[in-house]
């Protein structure tokens, strides 16, 4: 989450290293920014078995399924609005774009705030109702700059929408398969082959399925998430059998295989490209996530260095809030036009500014949590 804020802020900073940014759409390359979203989806998959295990121990199976569906569609819903923010037509609407974006984000806070059990029901309903009314009003005012459209419409799912679809599909696979390891592996391989077929077009038996699994897109997002689910189930099984050394061997071997496959198909599937979700990008980024995860297992579980990450802990404990907070800051910055020294607008100074900004967003998330302001879906 910290790195996602950092690379998003870095995107518009000139004279900074290209390897930190997203590679261009038609460029066969991989920047640091291109690896962050895959790692985020991988982490989503890692969390699913642990979260489900805790819920199932409480015996609330129906609540678990309803939570999966409601959480998924909440992410998709917010992602839909975020995608439409990109084409807001300020020239033909009543409100300036920063004002509209701020009010939409405030409505999300009122709707998805974690009110807690101590909050009187009437107060909660009034505040959530206000958020809903505010969001409806912003939707009514919306005008787009997209040719052929005038109002809110589908452009793409947005980051949160992609996470929502991937989470729902992979969570349901895990739930209905009862967590069997081989089924998680089979599902992961299926989505990898699905993605390969989109770019290669030679797996005819998968072609017939694409019309029925439209929410999978090209399989890339689900592949990252199912990889996390598989590794998490493997982790839990090996830890239960006191065979954790096998986890290291498995993850490193799988990563090596993925790296090799990624560079092999690179020459036949459009290179490495996040913009086009190419198989090379999927395979190589999954391998990177495995290696980094193995490193953090060693650092945190073996060496007990959890305290090293206390400074950015709110990004992990209140991830959704941390993601939304910058959507409040950027519009406010545009409206107030607060300036900062020219040194921080490019080059090394720009890098420093982006690091500071990421820390500030995480710090604000922690501060909001201390006063019981956190978002929950």
Protein backbone atom coordinates (compact mmCIF):
# COMPACT_ATOMS: atom_id res chain seq x y z
CA UNK A 1 0.00 0.00 0.00
CA UNK A 2 2.86 2.34 0.85
CA UNK A 3 4.55 1.64 -2.49
CA UNK A 4 1.26 2.02 -4.37
CA UNK A 5 0.84 5.55 -3.00
CA UNK A 6 4.51 6.28 -3.78
CA UNK A 7 4.42 5.16 -7.43
CA UNK A 8 1.04 6.81 -8.06
CA UNK A 9 2.43 10.14 -6.83
CA UNK A 10 5.69 9.64 -8.74
CA UNK A 11 3.90 9.13 -12.05
CA UNK A 12 3.75 12.84 -12.87
CA UNK A 13 7.21 13.79 -11.60
CA UNK A 14 9.69 14.54 -14.44
CA UNK A 15 13.41 13.68 -14.49
CA UNK A 16 13.06 10.67 -12.22
CA UNK A 17 14.40 7.16 -12.98
CA UNK A 18 12.24 5.40 -15.57
CA UNK A 19 12.69 2.04 -13.83
CA UNK A 20 10.60 3.32 -10.93
CA UNK A 21 7.62 4.16 -13.14
CA UNK A 22 5.16 2.27 -15.33
CA UNK A 23 6.60 1.14 -18.65
CA UNK A 24 4.77 2.47 -21.70
CA UNK A 25 1.94 0.53 -23.32
CA UNK A 26 3.96 -0.57 -26.33
CA UNK A 27 7.27 -0.91 -24.50
CA UNK A 28 8.68 -4.34 -23.69
CA UNK A 29 9.80 -3.48 -20.15
CA UNK A 30 9.00 -3.74 -16.46
CA UNK A 31 9.19 -0.87 -13.99
CA UNK A 32 8.83 -0.99 -10.23
CA UNK A 33 5.35 0.51 -10.55
CA UNK A 34 4.33 -2.39 -12.81
CA UNK A 35 4.98 -4.89 -10.00
CA UNK A 36 3.00 -3.17 -7.23
CA UNK A 37 -0.56 -3.99 -8.29
CA UNK A 38 0.27 -7.67 -8.96
CA UNK A 39 1.83 -7.86 -5.50
CA UNK A 40 -1.29 -6.27 -4.01
CA UNK A 41 -3.51 -8.89 -5.68
CA UNK A 42 -1.13 -11.62 -4.51
CA UNK A 43 -1.53 -10.32 -0.94
CA UNK A 44 -5.33 -10.33 -1.35
CA UNK A 45 -5.05 -14.03 -2.19
CA UNK A 46 -2.72 -14.67 0.76
CA UNK A 47 -5.28 -13.18 3.15
CA UNK A 48 -8.29 -15.18 1.95
CA UNK A 49 -7.55 -18.57 3.62
CA UNK A 50 -6.59 -16.96 6.95
CA UNK A 51 -9.67 -14.71 6.98
CA UNK A 52 -11.96 -17.58 6.03
CA UNK A 53 -10.44 -19.87 8.63
CA UNK A 54 -11.22 -17.37 11.38
CA UNK A 55 -14.77 -16.84 10.13
CA UNK A 56 -15.51 -20.55 9.73
CA UNK A 57 -14.37 -21.22 13.29
CA UNK A 58 -17.17 -18.90 14.38
CA UNK A 59 -19.64 -20.98 12.39
CA UNK A 60 -21.11 -18.09 10.38
CA UNK A 61 -20.99 -19.67 6.91
CA UNK A 62 -23.88 -17.64 5.50
CA UNK A 63 -22.44 -14.39 6.82
CA UNK A 64 -19.12 -15.33 5.25
CA UNK A 65 -20.63 -15.71 1.78
CA UNK A 66 -22.73 -12.57 2.10
CA UNK A 67 -19.63 -10.70 3.26
CA UNK A 68 -17.68 -11.87 0.21
CA UNK A 69 -20.41 -10.72 -2.16
CA UNK A 70 -21.10 -7.39 -0.43
CA UNK A 71 -17.39 -6.58 -0.12
CA UNK A 72 -16.77 -7.44 -3.77
CA UNK A 73 -19.61 -5.32 -5.10
CA UNK A 74 -18.65 -2.43 -2.81
CA UNK A 75 -15.17 -2.45 -4.36
CA UNK A 76 -16.64 -2.71 -7.87
CA UNK A 77 -19.07 0.13 -7.11
CA UNK A 78 -16.35 2.48 -5.84
CA UNK A 79 -14.06 1.47 -8.69
CA UNK A 80 -16.80 2.43 -11.15
CA UNK A 81 -16.91 5.97 -9.76
CA UNK A 82 -13.12 6.23 -9.66
CA UNK A 83 -12.92 5.21 -13.31
CA UNK A 84 -15.46 7.90 -14.21
CA UNK A 85 -13.45 10.51 -12.33
CA UNK A 86 -10.88 10.28 -15.11
CA UNK A 87 -13.35 11.60 -17.71
CA UNK A 88 -15.21 14.20 -15.61
CA UNK A 89 -16.06 17.15 -17.87
CA UNK A 90 -15.46 20.25 -15.80
CA UNK A 91 -16.49 22.58 -18.64
CA UNK A 92 -20.08 21.33 -18.82
CA UNK A 93 -20.87 20.70 -15.16
CA UNK A 94 -21.86 22.80 -12.18
CA UNK A 95 -18.93 21.86 -9.94
CA UNK A 96 -15.18 22.04 -10.57
CA UNK A 97 -13.59 18.61 -10.80
CA UNK A 98 -11.68 18.82 -7.44
CA UNK A 99 -14.91 19.74 -5.62
CA UNK A 100 -16.85 16.91 -7.24
CA UNK A 101 -14.10 14.37 -6.45
CA UNK A 102 -13.90 15.55 -2.83
CA UNK A 103 -17.65 15.28 -2.29
CA UNK A 104 -17.78 11.80 -3.86
CA UNK A 105 -14.94 10.67 -1.59
CA UNK A 106 -16.66 12.18 1.47
CA UNK A 107 -19.81 10.25 0.54
CA UNK A 108 -17.77 7.02 0.57
CA UNK A 109 -16.57 7.87 4.07
CA UNK A 110 -20.12 8.32 5.34
CA UNK A 111 -21.36 5.14 3.63
CA UNK A 112 -18.49 2.77 4.46
CA UNK A 113 -17.33 4.15 7.80
CA UNK A 114 -16.83 1.48 10.47
CA UNK A 115 -19.36 2.84 12.94
CA UNK A 116 -18.83 0.12 15.51
CA UNK A 117 -21.37 -1.60 17.72
CA UNK A 118 -21.52 1.29 20.17
CA UNK A 119 -22.93 3.68 17.57
CA UNK A 120 -26.70 4.16 17.97
CA UNK A 121 -28.51 2.67 14.95
CA UNK A 122 -30.36 5.93 14.24
CA UNK A 123 -27.11 7.91 14.03
CA UNK A 124 -25.58 5.32 11.73
CA UNK A 125 -28.59 5.27 9.42
CA UNK A 126 -28.69 9.07 9.28
CA UNK A 127 -24.99 9.37 8.44
CA UNK A 128 -25.06 6.57 5.87
CA UNK A 129 -28.25 8.02 4.42
CA UNK A 130 -26.55 11.40 4.10
CA UNK A 131 -23.65 9.73 2.28
CA UNK A 132 -26.03 7.98 -0.11
CA UNK A 133 -27.95 11.19 -0.84
CA UNK A 134 -24.67 13.06 -1.40
CA UNK A 135 -23.43 10.39 -3.79
CA UNK A 136 -26.73 10.39 -5.71
CA UNK A 137 -26.49 14.18 -6.03
CA UNK A 138 -22.92 13.93 -7.37
CA UNK A 139 -24.02 11.23 -9.81
CA UNK A 140 -26.85 13.46 -11.04
CA UNK A 141 -24.42 16.33 -11.65
CA UNK A 142 -21.88 14.20 -13.51
CA UNK A 143 -21.02 14.88 -17.14
CA UNK A 144 -18.36 13.03 -19.11
CA UNK A 145 -15.88 14.11 -21.74
CA UNK A 146 -16.04 10.70 -23.46
CA UNK A 147 -17.43 10.94 -27.01
CA UNK A 148 -20.79 9.24 -27.38
CA UNK A 149 -21.59 9.45 -23.68
CA UNK A 150 -23.07 12.13 -21.45
CA UNK A 151 -23.31 10.48 -18.02
CA UNK A 152 -21.71 7.83 -15.81
CA UNK A 153 -20.75 4.84 -17.94
CA UNK A 154 -18.42 1.88 -18.02
CA UNK A 155 -14.88 2.69 -19.16
CA UNK A 156 -12.92 0.16 -17.12
CA UNK A 157 -13.39 -1.34 -13.69
CA UNK A 158 -10.85 0.85 -11.94
CA UNK A 159 -8.22 -0.50 -9.55
CA UNK A 160 -10.72 -1.29 -6.82
CA UNK A 161 -13.13 -2.87 -9.29
CA UNK A 162 -10.44 -5.21 -10.60
CA UNK A 163 -9.61 -6.16 -7.02
CA UNK A 164 -13.30 -6.74 -6.30
CA UNK A 165 -13.83 -9.14 -9.22
CA UNK A 166 -10.61 -11.04 -8.51
CA UNK A 167 -11.40 -11.28 -4.79
CA UNK A 168 -14.95 -12.53 -5.32
CA UNK A 169 -14.09 -15.21 -7.87
CA UNK A 170 -11.06 -16.53 -5.99
CA UNK A 171 -12.77 -16.38 -2.60
CA UNK A 172 -15.71 -18.39 -3.93
CA UNK A 173 -13.36 -20.96 -5.47
CA UNK A 174 -11.59 -21.34 -2.13
CA UNK A 175 -14.86 -21.59 -0.20
CA UNK A 176 -16.62 -24.14 -2.39
CA UNK A 177 -13.47 -26.24 -2.81
CA UNK A 178 -13.15 -26.36 1.00
CA UNK A 179 -9.57 -25.18 0.73
CA UNK A 180 -8.17 -28.31 -0.95
CA UNK A 181 -4.62 -27.53 -2.06
CA UNK A 182 -4.79 -29.22 -5.45
CA UNK A 183 -7.94 -27.28 -6.40
CA UNK A 184 -6.25 -23.97 -5.58
CA UNK A 185 -3.32 -25.02 -7.76
CA UNK A 186 -5.65 -26.12 -10.56
CA UNK A 187 -7.55 -22.81 -10.42
CA UNK A 188 -4.29 -20.85 -10.49
CA UNK A 189 -3.06 -22.80 -13.51
CA UNK A 190 -6.43 -22.37 -15.23
CA UNK A 191 -6.25 -18.58 -14.99
CA UNK A 192 -2.64 -18.59 -16.20
CA UNK A 193 -3.67 -20.67 -19.23
CA UNK A 194 -6.69 -18.43 -19.68
CA UNK A 195 -4.36 -15.42 -19.89
CA UNK A 196 -2.05 -17.27 -22.26
CA UNK A 197 -4.95 -18.13 -24.53
CA UNK A 198 -6.04 -14.50 -24.79
CA UNK A 199 -2.62 -13.58 -26.17
CA UNK A 200 -1.70 -16.79 -28.03
CA UNK A 201 -5.11 -17.98 -29.20
CA UNK A 202 -4.17 -21.64 -29.56
CA UNK A 203 -5.97 -23.14 -26.56
CA UNK A 204 -9.30 -23.70 -28.30
CA UNK A 205 -10.89 -25.58 -25.40
CA UNK A 206 -10.50 -22.46 -23.23
CA UNK A 207 -11.84 -20.19 -25.98
CA UNK A 208 -15.27 -21.76 -25.51
CA UNK A 209 -15.26 -20.75 -21.84
CA UNK A 210 -14.42 -17.08 -22.30
CA UNK A 211 -18.02 -16.12 -23.03
CA UNK A 212 -19.09 -17.61 -19.69
CA UNK A 213 -16.28 -16.28 -17.50
CA UNK A 214 -16.35 -12.68 -18.64
CA UNK A 215 -15.67 -11.35 -15.17
CA UNK A 216 -12.25 -12.97 -15.34
CA UNK A 217 -11.27 -10.56 -18.11
CA UNK A 218 -8.09 -12.04 -19.48
CA UNK A 219 -7.32 -14.04 -16.33
CA UNK A 220 -4.36 -11.92 -15.19
CA UNK A 221 -5.90 -10.47 -12.01
CA UNK A 222 -7.36 -13.81 -10.94
CA UNK A 223 -4.03 -15.50 -11.62
CA UNK A 224 -2.21 -13.20 -9.19
CA UNK A 225 -4.89 -13.69 -6.53
CA UNK A 226 -5.11 -17.48 -6.90
CA UNK A 227 -1.33 -17.68 -6.66
CA UNK A 228 -1.62 -16.01 -3.26
CA UNK A 229 -4.43 -18.36 -2.20
CA UNK A 230 -2.37 -21.41 -3.22
CA UNK A 231 0.76 -20.24 -1.39
CA UNK A 232 -1.24 -19.38 1.71
CA UNK A 233 -2.88 -22.83 1.82
CA UNK A 234 0.52 -24.43 1.26
CA UNK A 235 1.94 -22.31 4.08
CA UNK A 236 -0.81 -23.37 6.48
CA UNK A 237 -0.46 -27.04 5.62
CA UNK A 238 3.34 -27.14 5.93
CA UNK A 239 3.29 -25.16 9.16
CA UNK A 240 0.74 -27.56 10.64
CA UNK A 241 3.04 -30.48 9.75
CA UNK A 242 6.14 -28.66 10.99
CA UNK A 243 7.67 -28.78 7.51
CA UNK A 244 8.26 -25.08 6.92
CA UNK A 245 11.60 -25.72 5.21
CA UNK A 246 9.67 -27.24 2.33
CA UNK A 247 7.87 -23.91 1.85
CA UNK A 248 11.14 -22.16 1.05
CA UNK A 249 12.06 -24.84 -1.46
CA UNK A 250 8.62 -24.79 -3.08
CA UNK A 251 8.39 -21.01 -3.42
CA UNK A 252 11.91 -20.59 -4.80
CA UNK A 253 11.46 -23.44 -7.29
CA UNK A 254 8.08 -22.11 -8.42
CA UNK A 255 9.56 -18.61 -8.76
CA UNK A 256 12.44 -19.91 -10.90
CA UNK A 257 9.97 -21.78 -13.14
CA UNK A 258 7.79 -18.69 -13.49
CA UNK A 259 10.75 -16.44 -14.31
CA UNK A 260 11.92 -18.84 -17.02
CA UNK A 261 8.45 -19.25 -18.50
CA UNK A 262 7.94 -15.51 -18.40
CA UNK A 263 11.06 -14.78 -20.41
CA UNK A 264 10.33 -17.62 -22.84
CA UNK A 265 6.80 -16.48 -23.73
CA UNK A 266 8.00 -12.88 -23.78
CA UNK A 267 9.07 -13.30 -27.39
CA UNK A 268 5.74 -14.73 -28.54
CA UNK A 269 3.10 -12.80 -26.58
CA UNK A 270 3.82 -9.10 -26.93
CA UNK A 271 6.68 -8.79 -24.47
CA UNK A 272 6.39 -7.67 -20.85
CA UNK A 273 3.51 -5.22 -20.59
CA UNK A 274 1.28 -4.29 -17.67
CA UNK A 275 -0.90 -2.16 -19.95
CA UNK A 276 -1.79 -5.22 -22.05
CA UNK A 277 -1.69 -7.80 -19.22
CA UNK A 278 0.69 -10.00 -21.18
CA UNK A 279 1.56 -13.51 -19.93
CA UNK A 280 5.20 -12.49 -19.39
CA UNK A 281 4.11 -9.72 -17.06
CA UNK A 282 1.83 -12.11 -15.15
CA UNK A 283 4.45 -14.86 -14.79
CA UNK A 284 7.40 -12.62 -13.90
CA UNK A 285 5.45 -10.47 -11.42
CA UNK A 286 4.08 -13.59 -9.71
CA UNK A 287 7.65 -14.87 -9.39
CA UNK A 288 8.73 -11.54 -7.89
CA UNK A 289 5.86 -11.68 -5.38
CA UNK A 290 6.89 -15.19 -4.33
CA UNK A 291 10.52 -14.17 -3.76
CA UNK A 292 9.54 -11.05 -1.81
CA UNK A 293 7.04 -13.02 0.27
CA UNK A 294 9.72 -15.60 1.10
CA UNK A 295 11.99 -12.75 2.20
CA UNK A 296 9.34 -11.28 4.49
CA UNK A 297 8.53 -14.68 5.99
CA UNK A 298 12.19 -14.94 6.93
CA UNK A 299 12.38 -11.35 8.19
CA UNK A 300 9.15 -11.38 10.24
CA UNK A 301 8.44 -15.02 11.17
CA UNK A 302 12.02 -16.18 11.62
CA UNK A 303 13.92 -13.06 12.67
CA UNK A 304 10.92 -11.40 14.40
CA UNK A 305 11.59 -8.01 12.81
CA UNK A 306 7.95 -6.96 12.72
CA UNK A 307 8.79 -3.74 14.56
CA UNK A 308 10.78 -2.60 11.52
CA UNK A 309 7.47 -1.95 9.79
CA UNK A 310 5.61 -0.23 12.61
CA UNK A 311 6.07 3.11 10.88
CA UNK A 312 3.83 1.99 8.00
CA UNK A 313 1.62 -0.39 9.97
CA UNK A 314 -1.63 1.58 9.31
CA UNK A 315 -1.21 0.84 5.59
CA UNK A 316 -1.68 -2.83 6.41
CA UNK A 317 -4.20 -2.67 9.23
CA UNK A 318 -6.42 -0.05 7.53
CA UNK A 319 -5.60 -0.63 3.89
CA UNK A 320 -8.87 0.55 2.37
CA UNK A 321 -8.78 3.81 4.35
CA UNK A 322 -5.16 4.32 3.32
CA UNK A 323 -6.09 3.87 -0.34
CA UNK A 324 -8.96 6.39 -0.15
CA UNK A 325 -7.18 9.14 1.85
CA UNK A 326 -5.13 10.44 -1.14
CA UNK A 327 -8.42 10.95 -3.03
CA UNK A 328 -9.20 13.58 -0.40
CA UNK A 329 -5.77 15.17 -0.47
CA UNK A 330 -5.32 15.65 -4.22
CA UNK A 331 -8.58 17.59 -4.78
CA UNK A 332 -7.89 19.76 -1.72
CA UNK A 333 -4.39 20.44 -3.04
CA UNK A 334 -5.81 21.46 -6.43
CA UNK A 335 -8.41 23.75 -4.88
CA UNK A 336 -6.03 25.49 -2.47
CA UNK A 337 -3.05 25.50 -4.88
CA UNK A 338 -0.64 25.15 -1.98
CA UNK A 339 2.85 25.51 -3.40
CA UNK A 340 6.12 23.88 -2.44
CA UNK A 341 9.75 24.57 -3.39
CA UNK A 342 10.63 23.96 -7.05
CA UNK A 343 13.31 21.49 -5.93
CA UNK A 344 10.58 19.00 -4.94
CA UNK A 345 8.82 19.10 -8.32
CA UNK A 346 11.35 17.01 -10.26
CA UNK A 347 14.41 14.78 -10.03
CA UNK A 348 15.81 13.75 -6.65
CA UNK A 349 13.71 16.36 -4.91
CA UNK A 350 10.60 14.90 -6.55
CA UNK A 351 11.55 11.44 -5.30
CA UNK A 352 11.97 12.78 -1.78
CA UNK A 353 8.60 14.51 -1.99
CA UNK A 354 6.88 11.29 -3.11
CA UNK A 355 8.41 9.28 -0.26
CA UNK A 356 7.36 11.96 2.26
CA UNK A 357 3.87 12.06 0.74
CA UNK A 358 3.46 8.29 1.08
CA UNK A 359 4.54 8.45 4.71
CA UNK A 360 2.15 11.34 5.39
CA UNK A 361 -0.80 9.45 3.85
CA UNK A 362 -0.01 6.41 6.02
CA UNK A 363 0.44 8.64 9.07
CA UNK A 364 -2.92 10.31 8.42
CA UNK A 365 -4.52 6.88 8.15
CA UNK A 366 -3.10 5.98 11.56
CA UNK A 367 -4.27 9.30 13.00
CA UNK A 368 -7.80 8.76 11.68
CA UNK A 369 -7.81 5.28 13.18
CA UNK A 370 -6.93 6.71 16.60
CA UNK A 371 -10.08 8.82 16.48
CA UNK A 372 -12.11 5.81 15.28
CA UNK A 373 -12.38 6.89 11.66
CA UNK A 374 -11.72 3.86 9.51
CA UNK A 375 -13.46 2.51 6.42
CA UNK A 376 -14.81 -1.01 6.34
CA UNK A 377 -16.36 -2.99 3.51
